Amino acid sequence: MALTPGCGSSAGLVRPELWLLLWAAAWRLGASACPALCTCTGTTVDCHGTGLQAIPKNIPRNTERLELNGNNITRIHKNDFAGLKQLRVLQLMENQIGAVERGAFDDMKELERSLRLSREQEGRRPAALTPAAPQDLSENSIQAIPRKAFRGATDLKNLQLDKNQISCIEEGAFRALRGLEVLTLNNNNISTIPVSSFNHMPRLRTFRLHSNHLFCDCHLAWLSQWLRQRPTVGLFTQCSGPASLRGLNVAEVQKSEFSCSGQGEAGRVPTCTLSSGSCPAMCTCSNGIVDCRGKGLTAIPANLPETMTEIRLELNGIKSIPPGAFSPYRKLRRIDLSNNQIAEIAPDAFQGLRTCMLRSSNQIAPRAVAPMPSSGSDLEAMFEEAAHGVFHSA
């Protein structure tokens, strides 16, 4: 029987100071828990090479170093690192990350070296992190850098995004990175970059942008001037178009050669619109409905259409619903997760949904379900009790 003031104790009322001690002990227990499949030593959490498909839960709040390399993570959700305010080193290389939600790094005020999302040589363990070691965010499937993508990671010094599929950099994408010393973007699909994207990086000493598809028209003239003012960085940054400038170093192209065809084109500031997502592999998408039934999925798929209104995920092997799993999908009103192996539902997992169906063949303990939003939310949660009594009153 749980101890409550006035009952369950031979001494009658439990003194307030005892309750404080019990609460503190419970807090320490939660802070020191180690995610399943990971090993925790001091303030280091090592989850590398464990087959993870999503950022694990229950990462200790005092974690300073988090190793998630060599997994199958496909998406970084906004709340995956929430509360990890002491995190200094984050390794995410050798994954399949295709999307990083805006605000994912908001709590990382202490992240001082780098984000590692790179893919190094097969079978090679990454060298120990040191301030001078090359840390990168490359060889994943990142297609775009949204505005304020790194908001919160103000102390980040090393950011490498090489060998992704980046074609879109929104204005203000790097604005928070005022302490950045290394930025590499080579081997992507970048054709244009917003004006003054790098002007707020006074400490930048290494910058690479080669092997892209830069179109050197009037909108990219600023980059030529920026590179000329920094002759030791951005070497081999070349124009891919127009044909008359193809293969020339951007810094060597004269201002008059950065031309646009007609006044209308000159006045049009190029922008990129982040993809609203496509249809995940193995699923079918039609009329706002994403159908992933019986596809052997073990995690919520990435690259979902942002305009979807319904998703069918029943008859899979999904084991957990991560924080903010559906937060980007503002039009989503119905999700069916019945007949999975769900054992854990994180806070805010269903934020914004009208209907949520979790029917039979899940394994959700009553306390594994996070508190639902307040009555002011538009969420109507309909948890249908399974044959074995998955849901019942606590």
Protein backbone atom coordinates (compact mmCIF):
# COMPACT_ATOMS: atom_id res chain seq x y z
CA MET A 1 0.00 0.00 0.00
CA ALA A 2 1.36 3.43 -0.90
CA LEU A 3 2.16 5.71 2.04
CA THR A 4 -0.05 8.76 2.12
CA PRO A 5 -0.39 11.32 4.91
CA GLY A 6 -2.79 9.99 7.49
CA CYS A 7 -2.92 6.36 6.31
CA GLY A 8 -0.77 3.28 5.78
CA SER A 9 1.64 4.19 8.56
CA SER A 10 1.72 3.14 12.20
CA ALA A 11 2.94 6.59 13.11
CA GLY A 12 -0.05 8.30 11.53
CA LEU A 13 0.97 11.34 9.52
CA VAL A 14 4.22 11.12 7.58
CA ARG A 15 6.39 14.11 8.36
CA PRO A 16 6.87 16.62 5.51
CA GLU A 17 10.66 16.25 5.65
CA LEU A 18 10.31 12.50 5.06
CA TRP A 19 8.19 13.16 2.00
CA LEU A 20 10.88 15.52 0.74
CA LEU A 21 13.53 12.82 1.17
CA LEU A 22 11.37 10.26 -0.61
CA TRP A 23 10.78 12.69 -3.47
CA ALA A 24 14.49 13.46 -3.76
CA ALA A 25 15.34 9.77 -3.82
CA ALA A 26 12.82 9.17 -6.58
CA TRP A 27 14.23 12.09 -8.57
CA ARG A 28 17.77 10.72 -8.28
CA LEU A 29 16.57 7.32 -9.39
CA GLY A 30 14.99 8.81 -12.49
CA ALA A 31 18.10 10.85 -13.22
CA SER A 32 20.38 7.82 -13.01
CA ALA A 33 18.29 5.38 -15.06
CA CYS A 34 19.96 4.00 -18.18
CA PRO A 35 18.07 3.43 -21.44
CA ALA A 36 17.56 -0.16 -22.51
CA LEU A 37 20.35 -1.53 -24.75
CA CYS A 38 22.69 1.27 -23.64
CA THR A 39 25.50 1.38 -21.10
CA CYS A 40 25.94 4.29 -18.73
CA THR A 41 29.23 5.21 -17.11
CA GLY A 42 29.36 8.40 -15.10
CA THR A 43 27.88 11.09 -17.34
CA THR A 44 28.42 9.11 -20.57
CA VAL A 45 25.60 7.18 -22.22
CA ASP A 46 26.81 4.76 -24.92
CA CYS A 47 24.12 3.42 -27.26
CA HIS A 48 26.27 2.93 -30.35
CA GLY A 49 25.61 -0.04 -32.61
CA THR A 50 22.52 -1.29 -30.80
CA GLY A 51 20.10 -1.20 -33.73
CA LEU A 52 18.09 1.75 -32.43
CA GLN A 53 15.56 3.21 -34.84
CA ALA A 54 14.72 6.19 -32.67
CA ILE A 55 16.35 8.26 -29.94
CA PRO A 56 15.97 6.23 -26.72
CA LYS A 57 13.91 7.32 -23.76
CA ASN A 58 15.01 7.72 -20.14
CA ILE A 59 18.35 9.32 -20.96
CA PRO A 60 19.71 10.56 -17.61
CA ARG A 61 19.28 14.30 -17.23
CA ASN A 62 22.90 14.74 -16.15
CA THR A 63 24.28 13.19 -19.36
CA GLU A 64 27.23 15.12 -20.80
CA ARG A 65 28.19 12.73 -23.61
CA LEU A 66 25.70 10.76 -25.70
CA GLU A 67 26.84 8.22 -28.30
CA LEU A 68 24.14 7.15 -30.76
CA ASN A 69 26.36 6.32 -33.72
CA GLY A 70 25.99 3.18 -35.81
CA ASN A 71 22.23 2.81 -35.51
CA ASN A 72 19.21 3.11 -37.81
CA ILE A 73 17.78 6.38 -36.51
CA THR A 74 15.80 8.13 -39.24
CA ARG A 75 14.43 11.25 -37.58
CA ILE A 76 15.26 13.60 -34.72
CA HIS A 77 12.07 14.83 -33.08
CA LYS A 78 11.71 18.16 -31.35
CA ASN A 79 11.54 16.65 -27.87
CA ASP A 80 14.07 13.82 -28.24
CA PHE A 81 16.73 15.70 -26.27
CA ALA A 82 14.43 17.76 -24.06
CA GLY A 83 15.86 18.25 -20.58
CA LEU A 84 19.44 17.30 -21.50
CA LYS A 85 20.77 20.70 -20.54
CA GLN A 86 24.22 19.43 -19.56
CA LEU A 87 24.91 17.61 -22.84
CA ARG A 88 28.28 18.60 -24.27
CA VAL A 89 28.99 15.93 -26.90
CA LEU A 90 26.43 14.32 -29.21
CA GLN A 91 27.36 11.61 -31.72
CA LEU A 92 24.85 10.57 -34.36
CA MET A 93 27.03 9.43 -37.26
CA GLU A 94 26.34 6.26 -39.24
CA ASN A 95 22.57 6.59 -39.06
CA GLN A 96 19.88 7.21 -41.66
CA ILE A 97 18.67 10.58 -40.45
CA GLY A 98 16.50 12.30 -43.01
CA ALA A 99 14.84 14.99 -40.91
CA VAL A 100 15.68 17.12 -37.90
CA GLU A 101 12.68 18.92 -36.46
CA ARG A 102 12.99 22.61 -35.70
CA GLY A 103 13.83 23.16 -32.03
CA ALA A 104 15.37 19.73 -31.51
CA PHE A 105 18.48 21.29 -29.96
CA ASP A 106 16.79 24.00 -27.89
CA ASP A 107 17.95 22.66 -24.52
CA MET A 108 21.55 22.08 -25.56
CA LYS A 109 23.09 25.23 -24.16
CA GLU A 110 26.24 23.32 -23.15
CA LEU A 111 26.83 21.59 -26.49
CA GLU A 112 30.30 22.95 -27.04
CA ARG A 113 32.10 20.77 -29.53
CA SER A 114 29.96 19.32 -32.24
CA LEU A 115 27.06 17.30 -33.46
CA ARG A 116 28.23 14.01 -34.91
CA LEU A 117 25.93 12.55 -37.50
CA SER A 118 28.61 11.34 -39.86
CA ARG A 119 29.31 7.97 -41.35
CA GLU A 120 32.94 6.99 -41.04
CA GLN A 121 34.71 4.03 -42.60
CA GLU A 122 32.91 0.71 -42.18
CA GLY A 123 33.98 -1.10 -39.05
CA ARG A 124 36.00 1.81 -37.75
CA ARG A 125 35.28 3.08 -34.26
CA PRO A 126 35.28 6.89 -34.03
CA ALA A 127 38.27 8.42 -32.35
CA ALA A 128 37.81 9.91 -28.92
CA LEU A 129 36.38 13.40 -29.02
CA THR A 130 38.79 16.22 -28.44
CA PRO A 131 38.30 19.90 -29.20
CA ALA A 132 40.52 19.56 -32.27
CA ALA A 133 39.07 16.28 -33.56
CA PRO A 134 36.97 16.51 -36.75
CA GLN A 135 33.35 16.04 -35.80
CA ASP A 136 30.69 15.89 -38.47
CA LEU A 137 27.05 15.58 -39.32
CA SER A 138 27.51 13.97 -42.70
CA GLU A 139 26.51 10.99 -44.81
CA ASN A 140 22.95 10.83 -43.66
CA SER A 141 19.93 11.75 -45.78
CA ILE A 142 19.33 15.33 -44.64
CA GLN A 143 17.63 17.30 -47.39
CA ALA A 144 17.06 20.71 -45.82
CA ILE A 145 18.25 22.99 -43.02
CA PRO A 146 15.22 24.85 -41.66
CA ARG A 147 15.20 28.29 -40.12
CA LYS A 148 16.46 28.24 -36.52
CA ALA A 149 17.41 24.58 -36.90
CA PHE A 150 20.19 24.94 -34.33
CA ARG A 151 18.47 27.33 -31.98
CA GLY A 152 19.75 26.55 -28.50
CA ALA A 153 23.10 25.09 -29.62
CA THR A 154 24.79 28.46 -29.23
CA ASP A 155 28.14 27.04 -28.07
CA LEU A 156 28.52 24.60 -30.94
CA LYS A 157 31.99 24.90 -32.47
CA ASN A 158 32.10 22.20 -35.14
CA LEU A 159 29.30 21.39 -37.59
CA GLN A 160 29.88 19.18 -40.61
CA LEU A 161 27.06 18.39 -43.00
CA ASP A 162 29.02 16.80 -45.83
CA LYS A 163 27.62 14.14 -48.17
CA ASN A 164 23.97 14.61 -47.42
CA GLN A 165 21.23 15.54 -49.88
CA ILE A 166 20.85 19.15 -48.80
CA SER A 167 19.20 21.31 -51.43
CA CYS A 168 17.41 23.82 -49.21
CA ILE A 169 18.91 26.16 -46.62
CA GLU A 170 16.35 28.51 -45.15
CA GLU A 171 17.21 32.06 -44.17
CA GLY A 172 18.47 32.12 -40.59
CA ALA A 173 19.30 28.41 -40.50
CA PHE A 174 22.69 29.02 -38.86
CA ARG A 175 21.90 32.26 -37.05
CA ALA A 176 22.32 30.83 -33.55
CA LEU A 177 25.82 29.46 -34.23
CA ARG A 178 27.82 32.55 -33.32
CA GLY A 179 30.65 30.54 -31.81
CA LEU A 180 31.06 28.20 -34.77
CA GLU A 181 34.64 27.56 -35.87
CA VAL A 182 34.14 24.78 -38.44
CA LEU A 183 31.33 24.50 -40.99
CA THR A 184 31.46 22.11 -43.93
CA LEU A 185 28.72 21.62 -46.51
CA ASN A 186 30.55 19.93 -49.37
CA ASN A 187 29.06 17.18 -51.55
CA ASN A 188 25.43 18.23 -51.32
CA ASN A 189 22.85 19.55 -53.80
CA ILE A 190 23.01 23.21 -52.80
CA SER A 191 22.31 25.62 -55.66
CA THR A 192 21.75 28.87 -53.76
CA ILE A 193 22.26 30.21 -50.25
CA PRO A 194 20.41 33.09 -48.55
CA VAL A 195 22.31 36.37 -48.36
CA SER A 196 24.58 36.82 -45.34
CA SER A 197 24.02 33.27 -44.09
CA PHE A 198 27.53 33.17 -42.61
CA ASN A 199 28.15 36.80 -41.61
CA HIS A 200 27.44 36.22 -37.93
CA MET A 201 30.27 33.68 -37.45
CA PRO A 202 33.28 35.78 -36.40
CA ARG A 203 35.26 32.74 -35.22
CA LEU A 204 34.83 30.68 -38.38
CA ARG A 205 38.23 29.37 -39.48
CA THR A 206 37.26 26.34 -41.60
CA PHE A 207 34.55 26.52 -44.25
CA ARG A 208 33.96 24.11 -47.12
CA LEU A 209 31.27 24.27 -49.80
CA HIS A 210 32.83 22.43 -52.74
CA SER A 211 31.09 19.78 -54.86
CA ASN A 212 27.65 21.36 -54.85
CA HIS A 213 25.44 22.75 -57.62
CA LEU A 214 25.89 26.48 -57.03
CA PHE A 215 24.14 28.61 -59.63
CA CYS A 216 26.16 31.79 -59.87
CA ASP A 217 23.56 34.39 -60.76
CA CYS A 218 23.03 37.82 -59.21
CA HIS A 219 21.65 36.30 -56.02
CA LEU A 220 24.96 34.60 -55.21
CA ALA A 221 27.22 37.60 -55.78
CA TRP A 222 27.38 38.18 -52.02
CA LEU A 223 29.10 34.81 -51.54
CA SER A 224 31.92 35.75 -53.90
CA GLN A 225 32.63 38.91 -51.91
CA TRP A 226 32.38 37.00 -48.63
CA LEU A 227 34.92 34.41 -49.82
CA ARG A 228 37.34 37.06 -51.12
CA GLN A 229 37.33 38.67 -47.68
CA ARG A 230 38.32 35.28 -46.23
CA PRO A 231 40.90 33.89 -48.67
CA THR A 232 41.83 30.92 -46.48
CA VAL A 233 38.34 29.39 -46.32
CA GLY A 234 35.94 28.02 -48.90
CA LEU A 235 38.65 26.86 -51.28
CA PHE A 236 37.44 25.07 -54.43
CA THR A 237 33.92 26.46 -54.07
CA GLN A 238 32.91 26.44 -57.73
CA CYS A 239 30.02 27.50 -59.91
CA SER A 240 27.99 24.77 -61.58
CA GLY A 241 25.99 27.22 -63.66
CA PRO A 242 25.31 29.09 -65.80
CA ALA A 243 27.34 27.43 -68.52
CA SER A 244 29.60 30.47 -68.99
CA LEU A 245 30.79 30.25 -65.38
CA ARG A 246 30.76 26.50 -64.86
CA GLY A 247 33.92 25.27 -63.13
CA LEU A 248 35.11 28.71 -62.02
CA ASN A 249 35.90 29.39 -58.39
CA VAL A 250 33.14 31.55 -56.94
CA ALA A 251 35.65 33.90 -55.32
CA GLU A 252 37.27 34.59 -58.70
CA VAL A 253 34.07 35.54 -60.50
CA GLN A 254 33.69 39.29 -60.85
CA LYS A 255 30.60 41.03 -59.52
CA SER A 256 29.49 42.04 -63.01
CA GLU A 257 29.44 38.38 -64.07
CA PHE A 258 26.82 37.45 -61.47
CA SER A 259 23.87 38.37 -63.65
CA CYS A 260 20.19 37.59 -63.75
CA SER A 261 18.05 37.50 -66.88
CA GLY A 262 15.76 40.52 -66.79
CA GLN A 263 14.71 42.89 -64.04
CA GLY A 264 12.04 40.53 -62.79
CA GLU A 265 14.56 37.78 -62.14
CA ALA A 266 16.95 40.21 -60.46
CA GLY A 267 14.26 41.34 -58.07
CA ARG A 268 13.15 37.82 -57.21
CA VAL A 269 14.90 36.63 -54.09
CA PRO A 270 15.33 32.86 -54.37
CA THR A 271 13.74 30.90 -51.57
CA CYS A 272 13.40 27.24 -50.86
CA THR A 273 10.39 25.56 -49.40
CA LEU A 274 10.99 22.64 -47.12
CA SER A 275 9.56 19.45 -48.45
CA SER A 276 6.27 18.44 -46.94
CA GLY A 277 7.48 14.85 -46.98
CA SER A 278 6.76 12.04 -49.36
CA CYS A 279 5.47 8.55 -48.84
CA PRO A 280 7.57 6.21 -46.67
CA ALA A 281 8.97 3.10 -48.29
CA MET A 282 6.60 0.13 -48.13
CA CYS A 283 3.60 2.37 -47.41
CA THR A 284 0.94 3.72 -49.76
CA CYS A 285 -0.33 7.29 -49.68
CA SER A 286 -3.58 8.52 -51.20
CA ASN A 287 -6.03 11.33 -50.45
CA GLY A 288 -4.32 12.25 -47.19
CA ILE A 289 -4.26 8.67 -45.89
CA VAL A 290 -0.93 6.93 -45.23
CA ASP A 291 -1.38 3.17 -45.14
CA CYS A 292 1.46 1.26 -43.48
CA ARG A 293 -0.53 -1.72 -42.24
CA GLY A 294 1.32 -5.01 -41.82
CA LYS A 295 4.67 -3.81 -43.17
CA GLY A 296 6.87 -5.17 -40.39
CA LEU A 297 7.65 -1.72 -39.01
CA THR A 298 9.31 -1.52 -35.60
CA ALA A 299 9.20 2.29 -35.32
CA ILE A 300 7.15 5.20 -36.57
CA PRO A 301 8.36 5.74 -40.16
CA ALA A 302 10.16 8.91 -41.19
CA ASN A 303 9.47 11.12 -44.20
CA LEU A 304 5.73 11.21 -43.64
CA PRO A 305 3.66 13.72 -45.64
CA GLU A 306 3.05 16.79 -43.51
CA THR A 307 -0.41 17.12 -45.04
CA MET A 308 -1.63 13.65 -44.09
CA THR A 309 -4.93 13.46 -42.21
CA GLU A 310 -4.86 9.77 -41.28
CA ILE A 311 -2.19 7.14 -40.77
CA ARG A 312 -2.75 3.39 -40.48
CA LEU A 313 0.03 1.65 -38.55
CA GLU A 314 -1.77 -1.42 -37.25
CA LEU A 315 -0.41 -4.98 -37.57
CA ASN A 316 3.25 -4.00 -37.16
CA GLY A 317 5.89 -4.48 -34.47
CA ILE A 318 6.10 -0.90 -33.21
CA LYS A 319 7.30 -0.91 -29.60
CA SER A 320 7.20 2.72 -28.50
CA ILE A 321 5.85 6.13 -29.45
CA PRO A 322 8.59 8.77 -29.02
CA PRO A 323 8.04 12.34 -27.78
CA GLY A 324 6.42 14.59 -30.35
CA ALA A 325 6.18 11.70 -32.81
CA PHE A 326 3.31 13.36 -34.64
CA SER A 327 3.86 17.02 -33.76
CA PRO A 328 4.83 18.16 -37.30
CA TYR A 329 1.62 16.81 -38.78
CA ARG A 330 -0.89 19.51 -37.93
CA LYS A 331 -3.61 18.10 -40.17
CA LEU A 332 -3.40 14.60 -38.73
CA ARG A 333 -6.69 13.70 -37.09
CA ARG A 334 -6.68 9.92 -36.85
CA ILE A 335 -4.08 7.27 -36.16
CA ASP A 336 -4.55 3.55 -35.73
CA LEU A 337 -1.79 1.75 -33.82
CA SER A 338 -3.69 -1.38 -32.93
CA ASN A 339 -2.06 -4.81 -33.00
CA ASN A 340 1.49 -3.65 -32.35
CA GLN A 341 3.87 -4.32 -29.46
CA ILE A 342 3.69 -0.88 -27.91
CA ALA A 343 5.00 -0.83 -24.36
CA GLU A 344 5.73 2.87 -23.93
CA ILE A 345 4.07 6.12 -24.94
CA ALA A 346 6.08 9.30 -24.42
CA PRO A 347 4.73 12.72 -23.40
CA ASP A 348 3.23 14.78 -26.22
CA ALA A 349 3.27 11.77 -28.54
CA PHE A 350 -0.29 12.45 -29.71
CA GLN A 351 -0.36 16.22 -29.45
CA GLY A 352 -2.71 17.68 -32.06
CA LEU A 353 -4.64 14.52 -32.87
CA ARG A 354 -8.43 14.30 -32.89
CA THR A 355 -8.63 10.54 -32.55
CA CYS A 356 -6.13 7.99 -31.38
CA MET A 357 -6.89 4.31 -31.54
CA LEU A 358 -4.74 1.81 -29.65
CA ARG A 359 -6.54 -1.45 -29.76
CA SER A 360 -5.64 -5.07 -29.05
CA SER A 361 -2.23 -6.73 -28.96
CA ASN A 362 -0.33 -3.87 -27.41
CA GLN A 363 1.46 -4.19 -24.09
CA ILE A 364 0.92 -0.81 -22.52
CA ALA A 365 1.00 -0.70 -18.75
CA PRO A 366 -1.28 1.95 -17.25
CA ARG A 367 1.62 4.13 -16.07
CA ALA A 368 3.46 3.83 -19.38
CA VAL A 369 0.93 6.19 -20.91
CA ALA A 370 1.93 9.80 -20.40
CA PRO A 371 -0.70 12.21 -19.07
CA MET A 372 -3.02 13.39 -21.79
CA PRO A 373 -3.23 17.09 -22.65
CA SER A 374 -5.55 19.27 -20.66
CA SER A 375 -9.21 19.64 -21.50
CA GLY A 376 -8.32 22.64 -23.63
CA SER A 377 -6.67 20.37 -26.18
CA ASP A 378 -8.49 19.10 -29.23
CA LEU A 379 -7.30 15.56 -28.55
CA GLU A 380 -10.02 12.99 -28.22
CA ALA A 381 -8.26 9.84 -27.02
CA MET A 382 -10.18 6.66 -27.61
CA PHE A 383 -8.22 3.81 -26.12
CA GLU A 384 -10.25 0.68 -26.76
CA GLU A 385 -9.56 -1.94 -24.12
CA ALA A 386 -7.92 -5.02 -25.57
CA ALA A 387 -9.02 -8.56 -24.96
CA HIS A 388 -6.38 -8.93 -22.27
CA GLY A 389 -7.19 -5.69 -20.52
CA VAL A 390 -4.39 -3.50 -21.80
CA PHE A 391 -5.92 -0.39 -20.28
CA HIS A 392 -7.55 -0.31 -16.90
CA SER A 393 -7.79 2.13 -14.02
CA ALA A 394 -4.65 2.59 -11.97
